[in-house]
Amino acid sequence: MSLTDTIKLWDEAITAADQREWITALDTFAAIREPTSKICFNVGSLRLSLGQLNEAEKAFDKSISRDEHLAVAFFQRGITLYKNEKCEEALRDFKEAFNLLRGNQLIDYKQLGLRYKLSACQVLHNLALAHATLQEWDKAEQVVKKALTFKTEAKHNYVDQALEAVSKRELFQLLLFPEGEFFRPKKQVVAQLEKQDFLGEAMVVASIIDKDAFSGFAPLQPVAPEPVPKRKVSEKFKTLQSKPYRVLFNFIPSNEMELELQPGNIVFLLEQGKDNWATVTFNDKTGLVPYNYIEPLEHTKAERPPSPDIPAPPRTAAPDRPPGVKDENVPTIARSQVIEPSKKTECKDHPMPKGCIVKIHFKYTIAVRVKPGLLLSELLGVICQKFDLSEKRLVLSYKSQAEGELIPIATETKMKKIWSEVSNQRLVIWVKFVEVVALYDYKVTASIDLSFQEGDRIQVLAQVNDNWLEGQCNGNIGIFPSSFIKELSIA
C-alpha cells in the first residue's frame, strides 16, 4: 500500500472517530496493511473505548513494538492492564512510561499529531495506585511524595488527594487517557493529496499592444519599471531636519551611550523614546539624555536691517571726558537698580521646573520627576511602572552624605528623613531585588528549578504563586519553594 493510500485511510478513520463512530473507524484502520505505531495506538484507544480490553492490549503491544520510546503507549497499556486486573504488569508499564519522561515535567505530543500532554504527575499517580492495589502502601506513599515534587499547577491537586487516601490506606481513582484523542495526520499533508489544477481552463485574451502578432499562452505585456530603492537618510540630514532644544540642567553620563551636557547647550533632537530618554546630537556626537532635561528652543524673529536714512555709527571711539566736568543732563542710575535683560528674559521664558528629579540606578539608569515628600509606597509604584515590574519585590537604598554608604530605605520614617536632606531638588536612589537566605539545600528536580545550598543568598525576581518563587543564585535563574528560604531583615 502506498503512503498516499495510508494517509487517506488514516484521515477517513479519524473523521469517523470524531463522530464517535468507533466501529467504522476500526474497520477503516483495519484496511491499512502496514500500520504505524501511531495507528496501532489509535486502534488500541478505540478498543479501550468499546471495553474490549484484551484486543486493546494487543493493539498497544503492536504500537510499542514499532516504537519503544512512545511513553504515552506504555501509559495507555498500563491503564488497560489495570482495568483488566493485571496490576503487576500495569506497574511495570507505568514505571517504563515514567523512565521515558527522562526527568522532564511533561511530554507534549502536539508536534506528532496528538493533542495531549503526558505529565509526570499523572504517571506517578497511577503508579502509586498500582502499588496501593497490591497492598504495598509504603511504596505507594513514596511514589506520591515524589509526584509532589513535579507538581507545578493547580490542576495537579489530584496528587494531594492521592496522598491523603494513601495515609488512610484507601484506594483512589485511576487517571484515564481522554477519550476521543488520537494521533492525526498533518493537515498540510492531507490537503496535498487532493488533485489540483495548476493550468486551469483556457481562455481567449487580447493584447494591449497595438499590432501584437505574438501567439502563445499569454500576450506580450509592457514591462513595469523597477522601483527606485530608497536611500538611507544620513545622521547629518536628520540633524538638519530636527528641532533645536536647550539643555536645562547639568547631565553627567553613567555609561558610553549617554552624552555629557551643560546647562545652556543647544542640541538637536533625533528621536524621543517611550522610556523618557531622548537621542540628541551635540558637537557631532550622538547620545542619550533624559527628555525632561531639555526644552524646545523658541525661534526669535530676525532683526530688521537699519533704515538707509539713519546714518551709520562712528567708527572711532569718543574722546575721554575732561576731569572734573559733570553733565547734569545725564541721569545717575544706582547699580542696584540696573536690571540685566538676559536674566530678566531667562526668568520669564524659562521658569525653573516644579518637583524633584530622582535619578534611579537599577537595570539601567533613568530620571523621573516626582513631587517632593513622596511616600515610599508611592515611589515604589513609580519605579515598578517605569521598569514594567508586576511584583513590588524591590529594596531602595540611599547614599548618605555623612557616611557615604548605601543605607536601605525600609520605612516611611526613613523616607521622610531623606526628603529633608535633599538639596537642589535632586535625589539619587539605588534599587535592587529582595534578597533571601536559603534555610536548606534544594536540588533540581526539573529543568526550570533553581538549585542552591544552605546559607546561599538568592535574589527574588518574581512570585509564581503562594508556594513558589522565581529567583537568581550563582548566575542561574529558576523557581524554588518559598518554604526553603527566609527573608533578610532590612535595617
Protein backbone atom coordinates (compact mmCIF):
# COMPACT_ATOMS: atom_id res chain seq x y z
CA MET A 1 0.00 0.00 0.00
CA SER A 2 1.33 3.41 -0.94
CA LEU A 3 1.88 6.21 1.54
CA THR A 4 -0.88 8.25 -0.12
CA ASP A 5 -3.47 5.49 0.40
CA THR A 6 -2.36 5.06 4.02
CA ILE A 7 -2.80 8.75 4.81
CA LYS A 8 -6.23 8.81 3.10
CA LEU A 9 -7.49 5.85 5.15
CA TRP A 10 -5.97 7.35 8.31
CA ASP A 11 -7.80 10.64 7.73
CA GLU A 12 -11.10 8.85 6.98
CA ALA A 13 -10.80 6.83 10.18
CA ILE A 14 -10.15 9.94 12.27
CA THR A 15 -13.17 11.65 10.70
CA ALA A 16 -15.36 8.71 11.68
CA ALA A 17 -13.90 8.66 15.20
CA ASP A 18 -14.64 12.37 15.66
CA GLN A 19 -18.31 11.49 15.01
CA ARG A 20 -17.99 8.72 17.66
CA GLU A 21 -18.47 6.00 15.06
CA TRP A 22 -15.96 3.66 16.72
CA ILE A 23 -16.78 0.55 14.63
CA THR A 24 -16.47 2.42 11.31
CA ALA A 25 -13.15 3.89 12.41
CA LEU A 26 -11.84 0.42 13.39
CA ASP A 27 -12.87 -1.05 10.03
CA THR A 28 -11.09 1.80 8.20
CA PHE A 29 -7.90 1.31 10.26
CA ALA A 30 -8.06 -2.43 9.58
CA ALA A 31 -7.82 -1.74 5.83
CA ILE A 32 -4.29 -0.36 6.32
CA ARG A 33 -1.88 -3.20 5.60
CA GLU A 34 1.21 -1.91 7.39
CA PRO A 35 0.01 0.26 10.26
CA THR A 36 2.49 2.53 12.04
CA SER A 37 2.94 2.89 15.79
CA LYS A 38 0.56 5.87 15.86
CA ILE A 39 -2.17 3.98 14.00
CA CYS A 40 -1.83 0.96 16.33
CA PHE A 41 -2.15 3.39 19.28
CA ASN A 42 -5.37 4.76 17.76
CA VAL A 43 -6.74 1.22 17.33
CA GLY A 44 -5.94 0.42 20.96
CA SER A 45 -7.68 3.61 22.16
CA LEU A 46 -10.78 2.70 20.12
CA ARG A 47 -10.81 -0.83 21.56
CA LEU A 48 -10.46 0.58 25.06
CA SER A 49 -13.43 2.92 24.46
CA LEU A 50 -15.51 -0.09 23.41
CA GLY A 51 -14.46 -2.03 26.54
CA GLN A 52 -12.51 -4.64 24.56
CA LEU A 53 -9.58 -4.86 26.99
CA ASN A 54 -7.79 -7.90 25.50
CA GLU A 55 -7.93 -6.51 21.95
CA ALA A 56 -6.80 -3.09 23.20
CA GLU A 57 -3.82 -4.71 24.97
CA LYS A 58 -2.74 -6.44 21.75
CA ALA A 59 -3.02 -3.16 19.79
CA PHE A 60 -0.84 -1.35 22.32
CA ASP A 61 1.66 -4.23 22.14
CA LYS A 62 1.97 -3.61 18.39
CA SER A 63 2.35 0.13 18.94
CA ILE A 64 5.18 -0.37 21.46
CA SER A 65 6.93 -2.95 19.28
CA ARG A 66 7.06 -0.36 16.45
CA ASP A 67 8.21 2.49 18.71
CA GLU A 68 9.81 1.52 22.03
CA HIS A 69 10.16 5.20 23.08
CA LEU A 70 6.44 6.11 22.88
CA ALA A 71 5.76 6.84 26.56
CA VAL A 72 2.05 7.51 26.05
CA ALA A 73 1.62 3.97 24.63
CA PHE A 74 3.10 2.49 27.82
CA PHE A 75 0.78 4.74 29.84
CA GLN A 76 -2.30 3.60 27.87
CA ARG A 77 -1.33 -0.07 28.08
CA GLY A 78 -0.83 0.31 31.84
CA ILE A 79 -4.38 1.70 32.15
CA THR A 80 -5.70 -1.24 30.08
CA LEU A 81 -3.85 -3.80 32.20
CA TYR A 82 -5.03 -2.21 35.46
CA LYS A 83 -8.65 -2.32 34.24
CA ASN A 84 -8.08 -5.99 33.29
CA GLU A 85 -6.88 -6.63 36.89
CA LYS A 86 -3.25 -7.22 35.87
CA CYS A 87 -1.73 -4.89 38.45
CA GLU A 88 1.84 -6.21 38.34
CA GLU A 89 2.08 -5.80 34.56
CA ALA A 90 0.42 -2.37 34.81
CA LEU A 91 3.03 -1.46 37.45
CA ARG A 92 5.86 -2.22 35.00
CA ASP A 93 4.26 -0.15 32.22
CA PHE A 94 3.78 2.88 34.47
CA LYS A 95 7.43 2.65 35.58
CA GLU A 96 8.60 2.45 31.95
CA ALA A 97 6.42 5.46 31.00
CA PHE A 98 8.00 7.50 33.83
CA ASN A 99 11.52 6.46 32.76
CA LEU A 100 10.80 7.60 29.19
CA LEU A 101 9.95 11.07 30.55
CA ARG A 102 13.67 11.29 31.49
CA GLY A 103 13.12 13.65 34.42
CA ASN A 104 11.01 16.15 32.44
CA GLN A 105 7.79 17.66 33.76
CA LEU A 106 5.81 16.52 30.72
CA ILE A 107 5.91 15.46 27.05
CA ASP A 108 3.83 17.45 24.57
CA TYR A 109 2.74 15.26 21.64
CA LYS A 110 1.28 18.15 19.62
CA GLN A 111 4.06 18.04 17.02
CA LEU A 112 3.37 14.32 16.48
CA GLY A 113 -0.33 14.95 15.84
CA LEU A 114 -1.71 14.13 19.33
CA ARG A 115 -3.28 16.98 21.27
CA TYR A 116 -2.21 15.69 24.68
CA LYS A 117 0.45 16.41 27.29
CA LEU A 118 1.62 13.43 29.34
CA SER A 119 2.82 14.76 32.72
CA ALA A 120 4.99 13.04 35.31
CA CYS A 121 2.32 13.66 37.97
CA GLN A 122 -0.21 11.56 36.04
CA VAL A 123 2.18 8.64 35.56
CA LEU A 124 3.33 8.64 39.21
CA HIS A 125 -0.30 8.93 40.38
CA ASN A 126 -1.28 5.72 38.56
CA LEU A 127 1.98 4.05 39.62
CA ALA A 128 1.13 4.75 43.28
CA LEU A 129 -2.39 3.36 42.70
CA ALA A 130 -0.90 0.12 41.35
CA HIS A 131 1.29 -0.21 44.48
CA ALA A 132 -1.72 0.51 46.69
CA THR A 133 -3.80 -2.14 44.92
CA LEU A 134 -1.02 -4.67 45.61
CA GLN A 135 -1.14 -3.58 49.31
CA GLU A 136 2.34 -2.00 49.04
CA TRP A 137 1.35 1.09 50.98
CA ASP A 138 4.87 2.25 51.89
CA LYS A 139 5.95 2.24 48.22
CA ALA A 140 2.72 3.95 47.25
CA GLU A 141 3.39 6.73 49.77
CA GLN A 142 6.95 7.21 48.46
CA VAL A 143 5.71 7.47 44.86
CA VAL A 144 3.01 10.02 45.77
CA LYS A 145 5.54 12.17 47.65
CA LYS A 146 7.79 12.00 44.59
CA ALA A 147 4.85 13.19 42.46
CA LEU A 148 4.52 16.24 44.73
CA THR A 149 7.96 17.41 43.57
CA PHE A 150 6.65 17.54 39.98
CA LYS A 151 3.50 19.46 40.92
CA THR A 152 3.62 22.99 39.45
CA GLU A 153 -0.01 23.75 38.56
CA ALA A 154 -3.31 23.86 40.42
CA LYS A 155 -4.79 21.17 38.15
CA HIS A 156 -2.39 18.65 39.73
CA ASN A 157 -4.32 18.72 43.02
CA TYR A 158 -5.25 15.06 42.50
CA VAL A 159 -1.77 14.26 43.87
CA ASP A 160 -2.73 15.79 47.24
CA GLN A 161 -5.95 13.75 47.26
CA ALA A 162 -3.97 10.59 46.50
CA LEU A 163 -1.57 11.27 49.39
CA GLU A 164 -4.50 11.73 51.77
CA ALA A 165 -6.06 8.44 50.56
CA VAL A 166 -2.77 6.52 50.96
CA SER A 167 -2.34 7.82 54.51
CA LYS A 168 -5.79 6.35 55.29
CA ARG A 169 -4.92 3.08 53.48
CA GLU A 170 -7.66 3.68 50.93
CA LEU A 171 -7.62 3.29 47.14
CA PHE A 172 -8.16 6.31 44.91
CA GLN A 173 -9.39 6.92 41.37
CA LEU A 174 -7.38 5.90 38.29
CA LEU A 175 -6.39 8.71 35.89
CA LEU A 176 -7.55 7.87 32.35
CA PHE A 177 -6.41 9.00 28.92
CA PRO A 178 -9.02 11.41 27.45
CA GLU A 179 -11.49 9.65 25.19
CA GLY A 180 -11.59 10.90 21.60
CA GLU A 181 -7.94 11.97 21.40
CA PHE A 182 -5.98 10.25 18.60
CA PHE A 183 -2.82 10.69 16.54
CA ARG A 184 -3.90 12.67 13.47
CA PRO A 185 -2.19 13.15 10.11
CA LYS A 186 -0.92 16.64 9.35
CA LYS A 187 -3.47 18.88 7.67
CA GLN A 188 -0.91 20.11 5.14
CA VAL A 189 -0.19 16.55 4.03
CA VAL A 190 -3.90 15.70 3.73
CA ALA A 191 -4.57 18.87 1.72
CA GLN A 192 -1.82 17.98 -0.75
CA LEU A 193 -3.48 14.62 -1.50
CA GLU A 194 -6.31 16.32 -3.37
CA LYS A 195 -5.86 16.83 -7.10
CA GLN A 196 -5.05 20.41 -8.06
CA ASP A 197 -5.46 22.03 -11.47
CA PHE A 198 -2.41 24.23 -11.90
CA LEU A 199 -3.12 25.24 -15.55
CA GLY A 200 -6.83 25.96 -15.29
CA GLU A 201 -9.20 26.36 -18.22
CA ALA A 202 -8.00 28.04 -21.42
CA MET A 203 -9.48 31.43 -22.27
CA VAL A 204 -9.11 33.96 -25.05
CA VAL A 205 -7.32 37.17 -24.14
CA ALA A 206 -6.44 40.29 -26.09
CA SER A 207 -3.11 42.10 -26.08
CA ILE A 208 -2.92 45.72 -25.05
CA ILE A 209 -0.09 46.31 -27.54
CA ASP A 210 -1.15 47.51 -30.98
CA LYS A 211 -0.41 45.08 -33.86
CA ASP A 212 0.78 42.35 -31.50
CA ALA A 213 1.40 39.19 -33.56
CA PHE A 214 2.54 37.06 -30.60
CA SER A 215 0.78 33.71 -30.12
CA GLY A 216 1.18 31.57 -27.01
CA PHE A 217 -0.15 31.12 -23.51
CA ALA A 218 -0.20 34.85 -22.80
CA PRO A 219 0.22 38.01 -24.91
CA LEU A 220 3.15 40.36 -24.56
CA GLN A 221 2.83 42.77 -21.66
CA PRO A 222 4.67 46.07 -21.09
CA VAL A 223 7.49 45.76 -18.61
CA ALA A 224 6.89 47.78 -15.44
CA PRO A 225 9.82 49.95 -14.37
CA GLU A 226 11.68 48.74 -11.31
CA PRO A 227 11.06 50.79 -8.15
CA VAL A 228 13.82 53.16 -7.20
CA PRO A 229 15.42 51.99 -3.94
CA LYS A 230 15.14 54.42 -1.07
CA ARG A 231 18.38 55.88 0.13
CA LYS A 232 19.26 55.67 3.77
CA VAL A 233 18.97 59.04 5.46
CA SER A 234 22.28 60.13 6.96
CA GLU A 235 22.65 61.43 10.50
CA LYS A 236 23.65 64.89 9.25
CA PHE A 237 20.48 65.14 7.19
CA LYS A 238 18.44 64.09 10.22
CA THR A 239 20.14 66.84 12.21
CA LEU A 240 19.13 69.44 9.61
CA GLN A 241 15.51 68.26 9.81
CA SER A 242 15.38 68.02 13.63
CA LYS A 243 14.41 70.80 16.02
CA PRO A 244 16.83 72.58 18.36
CA TYR A 245 16.49 72.13 22.12
CA ARG A 246 18.10 73.95 25.05
CA VAL A 247 19.68 71.96 27.92
CA LEU A 248 18.24 72.98 31.30
CA PHE A 249 20.41 71.04 33.78
CA ASN A 250 23.87 69.58 34.02
CA PHE A 251 23.91 65.89 32.99
CA ILE A 252 26.84 63.57 33.74
CA PRO A 253 26.73 60.28 31.78
CA SER A 254 26.92 56.93 33.59
CA ASN A 255 27.73 54.80 30.52
CA GLU A 256 29.04 55.11 26.95
CA MET A 257 25.58 55.52 25.42
CA GLU A 258 24.83 58.75 27.31
CA LEU A 259 26.05 62.23 26.35
CA GLU A 260 27.58 64.80 28.72
CA LEU A 261 25.85 68.19 28.55
CA GLN A 262 25.99 71.53 30.34
CA PRO A 263 23.13 73.97 31.01
CA GLY A 264 22.59 76.25 28.05
CA ASN A 265 23.94 73.85 25.40
CA ILE A 266 21.91 73.73 22.19
CA VAL A 267 21.24 70.18 20.98
CA PHE A 268 19.20 68.69 18.14
CA LEU A 269 16.57 66.05 18.93
CA LEU A 270 16.81 62.94 16.71
CA GLU A 271 14.40 60.60 18.47
CA GLN A 272 12.24 60.59 21.62
CA GLY A 273 11.86 57.17 23.27
CA LYS A 274 8.95 55.86 25.34
CA ASP A 275 11.20 55.43 28.41
CA ASN A 276 11.60 59.21 28.96
CA TRP A 277 15.02 59.25 27.20
CA ALA A 278 15.86 61.21 24.08
CA THR A 279 18.54 60.70 21.41
CA VAL A 280 20.25 64.03 20.65
CA THR A 281 23.31 65.26 18.79
CA PHE A 282 25.78 67.87 20.06
CA ASN A 283 29.14 68.82 18.53
CA ASP A 284 28.99 65.87 16.08
CA LYS A 285 28.37 63.48 18.99
CA THR A 286 25.17 61.46 19.43
CA GLY A 287 23.92 60.04 22.74
CA LEU A 288 21.08 59.67 25.24
CA VAL A 289 19.87 62.28 27.75
CA PRO A 290 16.71 62.47 29.92
CA TYR A 291 13.94 64.14 27.97
CA ASN A 292 12.95 66.31 30.93
CA TYR A 293 16.48 67.82 30.93
CA ILE A 294 15.83 69.68 27.66
CA GLU A 295 13.19 72.05 26.32
CA PRO A 296 12.30 73.27 22.80
CA LEU A 297 14.15 76.39 21.70
CA GLU A 298 11.83 79.17 20.61
CA HIS A 299 12.90 80.90 17.41
CA THR A 300 13.27 84.67 17.75
CA LYS A 301 12.35 86.96 14.94
CA ALA A 302 15.26 88.22 12.86
CA GLU A 303 16.17 91.85 13.43
CA ARG A 304 15.32 94.21 10.58
CA PRO A 305 18.25 95.90 8.84
CA PRO A 306 18.67 99.60 9.72
CA SER A 307 16.94 102.12 7.52
CA PRO A 308 19.18 103.75 4.89
CA ASP A 309 18.11 107.20 6.22
CA ILE A 310 19.75 106.53 9.56
CA PRO A 311 23.49 107.25 9.41
CA ALA A 312 25.96 104.54 10.36
CA PRO A 313 27.56 104.75 13.82
CA PRO A 314 31.00 106.38 14.06
CA ARG A 315 33.95 104.12 13.56
CA THR A 316 36.20 105.92 16.07
CA ALA A 317 35.70 105.95 19.81
CA ALA A 318 34.53 109.08 21.60
CA PRO A 319 37.21 111.20 23.34
CA ASP A 320 37.59 110.99 27.08
CA ARG A 321 35.66 113.45 29.21
CA PRO A 322 37.86 116.14 30.89
CA PRO A 323 38.39 115.53 34.57
CA GLY A 324 36.10 117.39 36.94
CA VAL A 325 33.40 118.02 34.33
CA LYS A 326 29.98 116.54 35.00
CA ASP A 327 26.99 116.53 32.73
CA GLU A 328 23.87 117.42 34.66
CA ASN A 329 21.59 116.11 31.86
CA VAL A 330 22.86 112.54 32.24
CA PRO A 331 20.76 110.80 34.89
CA THR A 332 22.58 108.83 37.55
CA ILE A 333 21.37 105.21 37.95
CA ALA A 334 22.28 103.22 41.01
CA ARG A 335 23.99 99.92 40.43
CA SER A 336 21.34 98.17 42.46
CA GLN A 337 18.67 99.47 40.04
CA VAL A 338 20.32 98.04 36.89
CA ILE A 339 18.38 95.04 35.55
CA GLU A 340 20.22 92.73 33.24
CA PRO A 341 17.94 91.96 30.29
CA SER A 342 19.38 88.46 29.81
CA LYS A 343 18.43 87.44 33.35
CA LYS A 344 15.03 89.01 33.04
CA THR A 345 14.33 87.13 29.82
CA GLU A 346 15.58 83.89 31.31
CA CYS A 347 13.32 84.15 34.34
CA LYS A 348 10.34 84.98 32.18
CA ASP A 349 10.79 82.48 29.35
CA HIS A 350 12.40 79.58 31.21
CA PRO A 351 10.95 79.15 34.71
CA MET A 352 12.54 76.55 36.95
CA PRO A 353 10.62 73.23 36.87
CA LYS A 354 8.46 72.32 39.83
CA GLY A 355 9.10 69.00 41.62
CA CYS A 356 12.17 66.93 42.39
CA ILE A 357 14.21 64.94 39.86
CA VAL A 358 15.01 61.43 41.12
CA LYS A 359 17.81 59.53 39.40
CA ILE A 360 17.23 55.75 39.74
CA HIS A 361 20.03 53.16 39.30
CA PHE A 362 18.65 49.68 38.56
CA LYS A 363 18.86 47.54 35.41
CA TYR A 364 19.65 50.82 33.69
CA THR A 365 19.58 54.42 34.86
CA ILE A 366 16.51 56.61 34.44
CA ALA A 367 15.44 60.02 35.72
CA VAL A 368 11.89 60.84 36.78
CA ARG A 369 10.29 64.00 38.13
CA VAL A 370 8.16 63.46 41.24
CA LYS A 371 6.52 65.56 43.92
CA PRO A 372 8.83 66.23 46.89
CA GLY A 373 7.87 64.32 50.01
CA LEU A 374 6.54 61.31 48.05
CA LEU A 375 5.76 58.28 50.24
CA LEU A 376 7.90 55.15 50.00
CA SER A 377 5.00 53.07 48.68
CA GLU A 378 4.22 55.69 46.02
CA LEU A 379 7.88 55.86 44.92
CA LEU A 380 7.96 52.05 44.63
CA GLY A 381 4.85 52.23 42.44
CA VAL A 382 6.52 54.75 40.11
CA ILE A 383 9.66 52.57 39.83
CA CYS A 384 7.64 49.38 39.13
CA GLN A 385 5.69 51.21 36.42
CA LYS A 386 8.85 52.54 34.74
CA PHE A 387 10.60 49.13 34.74
CA ASP A 388 7.40 47.17 33.93
CA LEU A 389 7.51 45.05 37.09
CA SER A 390 4.33 43.31 38.22
CA GLU A 391 5.56 42.47 41.73
CA LYS A 392 6.94 45.11 44.10
CA ARG A 393 9.75 42.90 45.45
CA LEU A 394 12.33 45.71 45.45
CA VAL A 395 14.63 47.31 48.01
CA LEU A 396 15.53 51.01 47.78
CA SER A 397 18.80 52.43 49.09
CA TYR A 398 20.15 55.94 49.59
CA LYS A 399 23.75 57.14 49.91
CA SER A 400 24.10 59.27 52.99
CA GLN A 401 26.24 62.41 52.60
CA ALA A 402 27.69 61.96 56.10
CA GLU A 403 28.54 58.24 56.00
CA GLY A 404 29.00 57.80 52.23
CA GLU A 405 27.47 54.30 52.28
CA LEU A 406 24.23 52.87 50.86
CA ILE A 407 21.51 52.84 53.52
CA PRO A 408 18.33 50.75 52.90
CA ILE A 409 15.03 52.62 52.90
CA ALA A 410 12.72 50.30 54.81
CA THR A 411 10.18 52.59 56.49
CA GLU A 412 8.21 55.72 55.72
CA THR A 413 10.10 57.45 58.55
CA LYS A 414 13.43 56.97 56.76
CA MET A 415 11.86 58.20 53.54
CA LYS A 416 10.74 61.43 55.24
CA LYS A 417 14.22 61.90 56.70
CA ILE A 418 15.79 61.50 53.25
CA TRP A 419 13.42 64.10 51.76
CA SER A 420 14.50 66.52 54.49
CA GLU A 421 18.16 66.08 53.42
CA VAL A 422 17.51 66.64 49.69
CA SER A 423 19.22 69.72 48.25
CA ASN A 424 18.79 71.43 44.86
CA GLN A 425 15.73 69.24 44.21
CA ARG A 426 17.99 66.26 43.28
CA LEU A 427 17.79 62.73 44.73
CA VAL A 428 19.69 59.58 43.72
CA ILE A 429 18.20 56.16 44.56
CA TRP A 430 19.72 52.67 44.14
CA VAL A 431 17.29 49.77 43.53
CA LYS A 432 17.84 46.01 43.82
CA PHE A 433 15.71 42.90 44.19
CA VAL A 434 14.83 41.49 47.62
CA GLU A 435 17.50 39.10 48.92
CA VAL A 436 16.65 35.96 50.88
CA VAL A 437 18.82 33.29 52.50
CA ALA A 438 18.40 29.54 51.98
CA LEU A 439 17.44 27.53 55.07
CA TYR A 440 18.02 24.12 53.48
CA ASP A 441 19.67 22.56 50.41
CA TYR A 442 17.44 22.32 47.34
CA LYS A 443 18.31 20.05 44.42
CA VAL A 444 16.98 20.45 40.89
CA THR A 445 14.14 18.07 40.03
CA ALA A 446 13.20 19.77 36.75
CA SER A 447 14.84 21.99 34.17
CA ILE A 448 13.02 25.10 35.44
CA ASP A 449 14.12 24.67 39.08
CA LEU A 450 16.88 26.65 40.86
CA SER A 451 19.34 24.66 42.97
CA PHE A 452 21.13 26.14 45.99
CA GLN A 453 22.88 25.22 49.21
CA GLU A 454 22.06 26.13 52.79
CA GLY A 455 23.16 29.68 53.51
CA ASP A 456 23.20 30.85 49.86
CA ARG A 457 21.77 34.28 49.14
CA ILE A 458 19.07 34.43 46.48
CA GLN A 459 17.66 37.44 44.65
CA VAL A 460 13.86 37.13 44.37
CA LEU A 461 12.76 38.20 40.87
CA ALA A 462 9.03 37.35 40.97
CA GLN A 463 6.37 35.37 42.84
CA VAL A 464 4.95 32.43 40.84
CA ASN A 465 2.20 31.55 43.34
CA ASP A 466 1.72 31.23 47.10
CA ASN A 467 4.23 28.37 47.36
CA TRP A 468 6.81 29.07 44.63
CA LEU A 469 9.16 31.97 43.88
CA GLU A 470 11.44 32.82 40.95
CA GLY A 471 14.97 33.90 41.79
CA GLN A 472 18.64 34.11 40.80
CA CYS A 473 21.54 32.42 42.58
CA ASN A 474 25.13 31.83 41.44
CA GLY A 475 24.32 33.11 37.94
CA ASN A 476 21.35 30.71 37.49
CA ILE A 477 17.65 31.62 37.27
CA GLY A 478 14.78 29.29 38.20
CA ILE A 479 11.90 28.61 40.58
CA PHE A 480 12.10 27.24 44.13
CA PRO A 481 9.74 26.59 47.09
CA SER A 482 9.16 29.59 49.34
CA SER A 483 9.32 27.36 52.44
CA PHE A 484 13.05 26.73 51.83
CA ILE A 485 14.11 30.36 52.44
CA LYS A 486 13.68 33.27 54.81
CA GLU A 487 13.86 36.98 54.06
CA LEU A 488 16.77 39.04 55.32
CA SER A 489 15.87 41.81 57.72
CA ILE A 490 16.39 45.32 56.38
CA ALA A 491 17.95 47.74 58.83
